[in-house]
């Protein structure tokens, strides 16, 4: 199952269409509210921990991405 968090209001028909594709749409405010109830301990990052993924649009060639670590 795929989950997508949305920021603006979602139309009922969009939510239903997503469900038909096995995609769950989640309101950002609801995700934040639910996250505050979780008691998860986060691990400190190590030098090799992936920090971000950076993608190019591919305007001068094929699109590509790179993983950037701490």
PDB file of N, CA and C in Angstrom:
ATOM      1  N   UNK A   1       0.834  -1.177   0.000  1.00  0.00           N
ATOM      2  CA  UNK A   1       0.000   0.000   0.000  1.00  0.00           C
ATOM      3  C   UNK A   1       0.884   1.247   0.000  1.00  0.00           C
ATOM      4  N   UNK A   2       0.455   2.267  -0.706  1.00  0.00           N
ATOM      5  CA  UNK A   2       1.167   3.530  -0.773  1.00  0.00           C
ATOM      6  C   UNK A   2       0.386   4.583  -0.007  1.00  0.00           C
ATOM      7  N   UNK A   3       1.104   5.426   0.705  1.00  0.00           N
ATOM      8  CA  UNK A   3       0.495   6.520   1.446  1.00  0.00           C
ATOM      9  C   UNK A   3       1.015   7.844   0.887  1.00  0.00           C
ATOM     10  N   UNK A   4       0.126   8.792   0.697  1.00  0.00           N
ATOM     11  CA  UNK A   4       0.496  10.126   0.247  1.00  0.00           C
ATOM     12  C   UNK A   4      -0.087  11.124   1.237  1.00  0.00           C
ATOM     13  N   UNK A   5       0.759  12.007   1.748  1.00  0.00           N
ATOM     14  CA  UNK A   5       0.309  13.061   2.652  1.00  0.00           C
ATOM     15  C   UNK A   5       0.051  14.304   1.813  1.00  0.00           C
ATOM     16  N   UNK A   6      -1.130  14.869   1.957  1.00  0.00           N
ATOM     17  CA  UNK A   6      -1.485  16.066   1.193  1.00  0.00           C
ATOM     18  C   UNK A   6      -1.625  17.266   2.124  1.00  0.00           C
ATOM     19  N   UNK A   7      -1.358  18.455   1.596  1.00  0.00           N
ATOM     20  CA  UNK A   7      -1.362  19.683   2.378  1.00  0.00           C
ATOM     21  C   UNK A   7      -2.654  20.484   2.209  1.00  0.00           C
ATOM     22  N   UNK A   8      -3.196  20.522   1.023  1.00  0.00           N
ATOM     23  CA  UNK A   8      -4.424  21.269   0.760  1.00  0.00           C
ATOM     24  C   UNK A   8      -5.613  20.335   0.919  1.00  0.00           C
ATOM     25  N   UNK A   9      -6.808  20.900   0.852  1.00  0.00           N
ATOM     26  CA  UNK A   9      -8.010  20.079   0.962  1.00  0.00           C
ATOM     27  C   UNK A   9      -8.092  19.097  -0.198  1.00  0.00           C
ATOM     28  N   UNK A  10      -8.485  17.882   0.117  1.00  0.00           N
ATOM     29  CA  UNK A  10      -8.659  16.858  -0.917  1.00  0.00           C
ATOM     30  C   UNK A  10     -10.149  16.663  -1.168  1.00  0.00           C
ATOM     31  N   UNK A  11     -10.496  16.478  -2.410  1.00  0.00           N
ATOM     32  CA  UNK A  11     -11.888  16.233  -2.772  1.00  0.00           C
ATOM     33  C   UNK A  11     -12.235  14.788  -2.435  1.00  0.00           C
ATOM     34  N   UNK A  12     -13.485  14.572  -2.040  1.00  0.00           N
ATOM     35  CA  UNK A  12     -13.942  13.225  -1.690  1.00  0.00           C
ATOM     36  C   UNK A  12     -13.708  12.259  -2.847  1.00  0.00           C
ATOM     37  N   UNK A  13     -13.979  12.723  -4.077  1.00  0.00           N
ATOM     38  CA  UNK A  13     -13.814  11.827  -5.233  1.00  0.00           C
ATOM     39  C   UNK A  13     -12.337  11.483  -5.471  1.00  0.00           C
ATOM     40  N   UNK A  14     -11.426  12.404  -5.119  1.00  0.00           N
ATOM     41  CA  UNK A  14      -9.996  12.105  -5.242  1.00  0.00           C
ATOM     42  C   UNK A  14      -9.568  11.059  -4.231  1.00  0.00           C
ATOM     43  N   UNK A  15     -10.086  11.181  -3.008  1.00  0.00           N
ATOM     44  CA  UNK A  15      -9.764  10.195  -1.968  1.00  0.00           C
ATOM     45  C   UNK A  15     -10.294   8.824  -2.365  1.00  0.00           C
ATOM     46  N   UNK A  16     -11.515   8.781  -2.882  1.00  0.00           N
ATOM     47  CA  UNK A  16     -12.103   7.506  -3.314  1.00  0.00           C
ATOM     48  C   UNK A  16     -11.348   6.914  -4.499  1.00  0.00           C
ATOM     49  N   UNK A  17     -10.934   7.762  -5.447  1.00  0.00           N
ATOM     50  CA  UNK A  17     -10.175   7.275  -6.604  1.00  0.00           C
ATOM     51  C   UNK A  17      -8.835   6.700  -6.148  1.00  0.00           C
ATOM     52  N   UNK A  18      -8.194   7.373  -5.194  1.00  0.00           N
ATOM     53  CA  UNK A  18      -6.921   6.870  -4.673  1.00  0.00           C
ATOM     54  C   UNK A  18      -7.108   5.518  -4.002  1.00  0.00           C
ATOM     55  N   UNK A  19      -8.179   5.380  -3.221  1.00  0.00           N
ATOM     56  CA  UNK A  19      -8.451   4.099  -2.567  1.00  0.00           C
ATOM     57  C   UNK A  19      -8.608   2.980  -3.587  1.00  0.00           C
ATOM     58  N   UNK A  20      -9.231   3.299  -4.718  1.00  0.00           N
ATOM     59  CA  UNK A  20      -9.390   2.310  -5.782  1.00  0.00           C
ATOM     60  C   UNK A  20      -8.063   1.868  -6.379  1.00  0.00           C
ATOM     61  N   UNK A  21      -7.028   2.697  -6.203  1.00  0.00           N
ATOM     62  CA  UNK A  21      -5.681   2.374  -6.687  1.00  0.00           C
ATOM     63  C   UNK A  21      -4.777   1.859  -5.565  1.00  0.00           C
ATOM     64  N   UNK A  22      -5.384   1.567  -4.407  1.00  0.00           N
ATOM     65  CA  UNK A  22      -4.654   1.072  -3.235  1.00  0.00           C
ATOM     66  C   UNK A  22      -3.679   2.131  -2.692  1.00  0.00           C
ATOM     67  N   UNK A  23      -4.105   3.400  -2.760  1.00  0.00           N
ATOM     68  CA  UNK A  23      -3.324   4.523  -2.242  1.00  0.00           C
ATOM     69  C   UNK A  23      -4.135   5.174  -1.128  1.00  0.00           C
ATOM     70  N   UNK A  24      -3.498   5.408   0.004  1.00  0.00           N
ATOM     71  CA  UNK A  24      -4.152   6.094   1.114  1.00  0.00           C
ATOM     72  C   UNK A  24      -3.700   7.546   1.130  1.00  0.00           C
ATOM     73  N   UNK A  25      -4.665   8.479   1.053  1.00  0.00           N
ATOM     74  CA  UNK A  25      -4.364   9.897   1.162  1.00  0.00           C
ATOM     75  C   UNK A  25      -4.563  10.320   2.613  1.00  0.00           C
ATOM     76  N   UNK A  26      -3.580  11.024   3.163  1.00  0.00           N
ATOM     77  CA  UNK A  26      -3.610  11.425   4.569  1.00  0.00           C
ATOM     78  C   UNK A  26      -3.417  12.938   4.656  1.00  0.00           C
ATOM     79  N   UNK A  27      -4.309  13.610   5.378  1.00  0.00           N
ATOM     80  CA  UNK A  27      -4.199  15.047   5.583  1.00  0.00           C
ATOM     81  C   UNK A  27      -2.974  15.339   6.454  1.00  0.00           C
ATOM     82  N   UNK A  28      -2.185  16.334   6.077  1.00  0.00           N
ATOM     83  CA  UNK A  28      -0.960  16.675   6.790  1.00  0.00           C
ATOM     84  C   UNK A  28      -1.231  16.951   8.269  1.00  0.00           C
ATOM     85  N   UNK A  29      -2.274  17.720   8.558  1.00  0.00           N
ATOM     86  CA  UNK A  29      -2.596  18.046   9.951  1.00  0.00           C
ATOM     87  C   UNK A  29      -2.923  16.790  10.755  1.00  0.00           C
ATOM     88  N   UNK A  30      -3.608  15.841  10.128  1.00  0.00           N
ATOM     89  CA  UNK A  30      -3.926  14.581  10.805  1.00  0.00           C
ATOM     90  C   UNK A  30      -2.661  13.752  11.040  1.00  0.00           C
ATOM     91  N   UNK A  31      -1.743  13.775  10.085  1.00  0.00           N
ATOM     92  CA  UNK A  31      -0.485  13.037  10.242  1.00  0.00           C
ATOM     93  C   UNK A  31       0.318  13.600  11.416  1.00  0.00           C
ATOM     94  N   UNK A  32       0.348  14.931  11.543  1.00  0.00           N
ATOM     95  CA  UNK A  32       1.062  15.564  12.653  1.00  0.00           C
ATOM     96  C   UNK A  32       0.404  15.193  13.974  1.00  0.00           C
ATOM     97  N   UNK A  33      -0.924  15.255  14.024  1.00  0.00           N
ATOM     98  CA  UNK A  33      -1.651  14.925  15.248  1.00  0.00           C
ATOM     99  C   UNK A  33      -1.388  13.477  15.674  1.00  0.00           C
ATOM    100  N   UNK A  34      -1.437  12.563  14.709  1.00  0.00           N
ATOM    101  CA  UNK A  34      -1.184  11.150  15.012  1.00  0.00           C
ATOM    102  C   UNK A  34       0.263  10.933  15.440  1.00  0.00           C
ATOM    103  N   UNK A  35       1.178  11.636  14.784  1.00  0.00           N
ATOM    104  CA  UNK A  35       2.596  11.487  15.114  1.00  0.00           C
ATOM    105  C   UNK A  35       2.919  11.904  16.535  1.00  0.00           C
ATOM    106  N   UNK A  36       2.195  12.881  17.061  1.00  0.00           N
ATOM    107  CA  UNK A  36       2.430  13.336  18.433  1.00  0.00           C
ATOM    108  C   UNK A  36       2.037  12.290  19.468  1.00  0.00           C
ATOM    109  N   UNK A  37       1.203  11.324  19.071  1.00  0.00           N
ATOM    110  CA  UNK A  37       0.787  10.278  20.004  1.00  0.00           C
ATOM    111  C   UNK A  37       1.758   9.098  20.020  1.00  0.00           C
ATOM    112  N   UNK A  38       2.671   9.059  19.063  1.00  0.00           N
ATOM    113  CA  UNK A  38       3.623   7.952  18.988  1.00  0.00           C
ATOM    114  C   UNK A  38       4.792   8.180  19.934  1.00  0.00           C
ATOM    115  N   UNK A  39       5.288   7.127  20.482  1.00  0.00           N
ATOM    116  CA  UNK A  39       6.432   7.212  21.391  1.00  0.00           C
ATOM    117  C   UNK A  39       7.592   6.440  20.769  1.00  0.00           C
ATOM    118  N   UNK A  40       8.158   7.042  19.742  1.00  0.00           N
ATOM    119  CA  UNK A  40       9.227   6.408  18.989  1.00  0.00           C
ATOM    120  C   UNK A  40      10.552   7.068  19.326  1.00  0.00           C
ATOM    121  N   UNK A  41      11.561   6.245  19.637  1.00  0.00           N
ATOM    122  CA  UNK A  41      12.889   6.784  19.890  1.00  0.00           C
ATOM    123  C   UNK A  41      13.642   6.806  18.567  1.00  0.00           C
ATOM    124  N   UNK A  42      14.097   7.977  18.196  1.00  0.00           N
ATOM    125  CA  UNK A  42      14.859   8.110  16.964  1.00  0.00           C
ATOM    126  C   UNK A  42      16.325   7.822  17.233  1.00  0.00           C
ATOM    127  N   UNK A  43      16.958   7.161  16.293  1.00  0.00           N
ATOM    128  CA  UNK A  43      18.378   6.867  16.426  1.00  0.00           C
ATOM    129  C   UNK A  43      19.196   8.066  15.960  1.00  0.00           C
ATOM    130  N   UNK A  44      20.307   8.315  16.632  1.00  0.00           N
ATOM    131  CA  UNK A  44      21.210   9.375  16.198  1.00  0.00           C
ATOM    132  C   UNK A  44      21.826   8.985  14.860  1.00  0.00           C
ATOM    133  N   UNK A  45      21.989   9.944  13.960  1.00  0.00           N
ATOM    134  CA  UNK A  45      22.574   9.615  12.660  1.00  0.00           C
ATOM    135  C   UNK A  45      24.061   9.300  12.777  1.00  0.00           C
ATOM    136  N   UNK A  46      24.513   8.429  11.913  1.00  0.00           N
ATOM    137  CA  UNK A  46      25.928   8.091  11.801  1.00  0.00           C
ATOM    138  C   UNK A  46      26.461   8.788  10.547  1.00  0.00           C
ATOM    139  N   UNK A  47      27.767   8.850  10.375  1.00  0.00           N
ATOM    140  CA  UNK A  47      28.312   9.513   9.181  1.00  0.00           C
ATOM    141  C   UNK A  47      27.766   8.947   7.865  1.00  0.00           C
ATOM    142  N   UNK A  48      27.438   7.667   7.832  1.00  0.00           N
ATOM    143  CA  UNK A  48      26.955   7.052   6.591  1.00  0.00           C
ATOM    144  C   UNK A  48      25.435   7.115   6.449  1.00  0.00           C
ATOM    145  N   UNK A  49      24.722   7.667   7.443  1.00  0.00           N
ATOM    146  CA  UNK A  49      23.271   7.756   7.376  1.00  0.00           C
ATOM    147  C   UNK A  49      22.862   8.688   6.234  1.00  0.00           C
ATOM    148  N   UNK A  50      21.914   8.217   5.412  1.00  0.00           N
ATOM    149  CA  UNK A  50      21.448   9.031   4.299  1.00  0.00           C
ATOM    150  C   UNK A  50      20.678  10.226   4.861  1.00  0.00           C
ATOM    151  N   UNK A  51      21.072  11.414   4.430  1.00  0.00           N
ATOM    152  CA  UNK A  51      20.470  12.656   4.902  1.00  0.00           C
ATOM    153  C   UNK A  51      19.378  13.147   3.954  1.00  0.00           C
ATOM    154  N   UNK A  52      19.640  13.064   2.681  1.00  0.00           N
ATOM    155  CA  UNK A  52      18.663  13.522   1.698  1.00  0.00           C
ATOM    156  C   UNK A  52      18.918  12.840   0.356  1.00  0.00           C
ATOM    157  N   UNK A  53      17.902  12.849  -0.472  1.00  0.00           N
ATOM    158  CA  UNK A  53      18.028  12.397  -1.857  1.00  0.00           C
ATOM    159  C   UNK A  53      17.863  13.629  -2.721  1.00  0.00           C
ATOM    160  N   UNK A  54      18.762  13.839  -3.646  1.00  0.00           N
ATOM    161  CA  UNK A  54      18.712  15.006  -4.522  1.00  0.00           C
ATOM    162  C   UNK A  54      18.578  14.523  -5.958  1.00  0.00           C
ATOM    163  N   UNK A  55      17.587  15.066  -6.653  1.00  0.00           N
ATOM    164  CA  UNK A  55      17.314  14.654  -8.025  1.00  0.00           C
ATOM    165  C   UNK A  55      17.484  15.815  -8.986  1.00  0.00           C
ATOM    166  N   UNK A  56      17.931  15.502 -10.198  1.00  0.00           N
ATOM    167  CA  UNK A  56      17.969  16.502 -11.263  1.00  0.00           C
ATOM    168  C   UNK A  56      16.729  16.308 -12.134  1.00  0.00           C
ATOM    169  N   UNK A  57      16.354  17.342 -12.838  1.00  0.00           N
ATOM    170  CA  UNK A  57      15.179  17.248 -13.703  1.00  0.00           C
ATOM    171  C   UNK A  57      15.491  16.552 -15.016  1.00  0.00           C
ATOM    172  N   UNK A  58      16.757  16.484 -15.355  1.00  0.00           N
ATOM    173  CA  UNK A  58      17.124  15.847 -16.605  1.00  0.00           C
ATOM    174  C   UNK A  58      17.084  16.786 -17.782  1.00  0.00           C
ATOM    175  N   UNK A  59      17.157  18.095 -17.561  1.00  0.00           N
ATOM    176  CA  UNK A  59      17.066  19.035 -18.680  1.00  0.00           C
ATOM    177  C   UNK A  59      18.256  18.928 -19.625  1.00  0.00           C
ATOM    178  N   UNK A  60      19.410  18.486 -19.139  1.00  0.00           N
ATOM    179  CA  UNK A  60      20.574  18.350 -20.022  1.00  0.00           C
ATOM    180  C   UNK A  60      20.953  16.889 -20.241  1.00  0.00           C
ATOM    181  N   UNK A  61      20.107  15.988 -19.848  1.00  0.00           N
ATOM    182  CA  UNK A  61      20.370  14.563 -19.995  1.00  0.00           C
ATOM    183  C   UNK A  61      19.298  13.780 -19.256  1.00  0.00           C
ATOM    184  N   UNK A  62      19.571  12.528 -18.960  1.00  0.00           N
ATOM    185  CA  UNK A  62      18.614  11.707 -18.229  1.00  0.00           C
ATOM    186  C   UNK A  62      18.480  12.211 -16.797  1.00  0.00           C
ATOM    187  N   UNK A  63      17.253  12.171 -16.221  1.00  0.00           N
ATOM    188  CA  UNK A  63      17.095  12.517 -14.806  1.00  0.00           C
ATOM    189  C   UNK A  63      17.893  11.532 -13.948  1.00  0.00           C
ATOM    190  N   UNK A  64      18.454  12.034 -12.870  1.00  0.00           N
ATOM    191  CA  UNK A  64      19.226  11.154 -11.989  1.00  0.00           C
ATOM    192  C   UNK A  64      19.166  11.673 -10.569  1.00  0.00           C
ATOM    193  N   UNK A  65      19.519  10.838  -9.642  1.00  0.00           N
ATOM    194  CA  UNK A  65      19.493  11.219  -8.235  1.00  0.00           C
ATOM    195  C   UNK A  65      20.761  10.775  -7.543  1.00  0.00           C
ATOM    196  N   UNK A  66      20.999  11.386  -6.407  1.00  0.00           N
ATOM    197  CA  UNK A  66      22.152  11.007  -5.605  1.00  0.00           C
ATOM    198  C   UNK A  66      21.746  10.979  -4.142  1.00  0.00           C
ATOM    199  N   UNK A  67      22.356  10.090  -3.385  1.00  0.00           N
ATOM    200  CA  UNK A  67      22.107  10.013  -1.948  1.00  0.00           C
ATOM    201  C   UNK A  67      23.211  10.785  -1.237  1.00  0.00           C
ATOM    202  N   UNK A  68      22.825  11.686  -0.358  1.00  0.00           N
ATOM    203  CA  UNK A  68      23.792  12.494   0.379  1.00  0.00           C
ATOM    204  C   UNK A  68      23.752  12.069   1.837  1.00  0.00           C
ATOM    205  N   UNK A  69      24.908  11.717   2.362  1.00  0.00           N
ATOM    206  CA  UNK A  69      24.965  11.258   3.757  1.00  0.00           C
ATOM    207  C   UNK A  69      25.392  12.407   4.651  1.00  0.00           C
ATOM    208  N   UNK A  70      25.364  12.143   5.957  1.00  0.00           N
ATOM    209  CA  UNK A  70      25.805  13.145   6.920  1.00  0.00           C
ATOM    210  C   UNK A  70      27.288  13.296   6.734  1.00  0.00           C
TER     211      UNK A  70
END
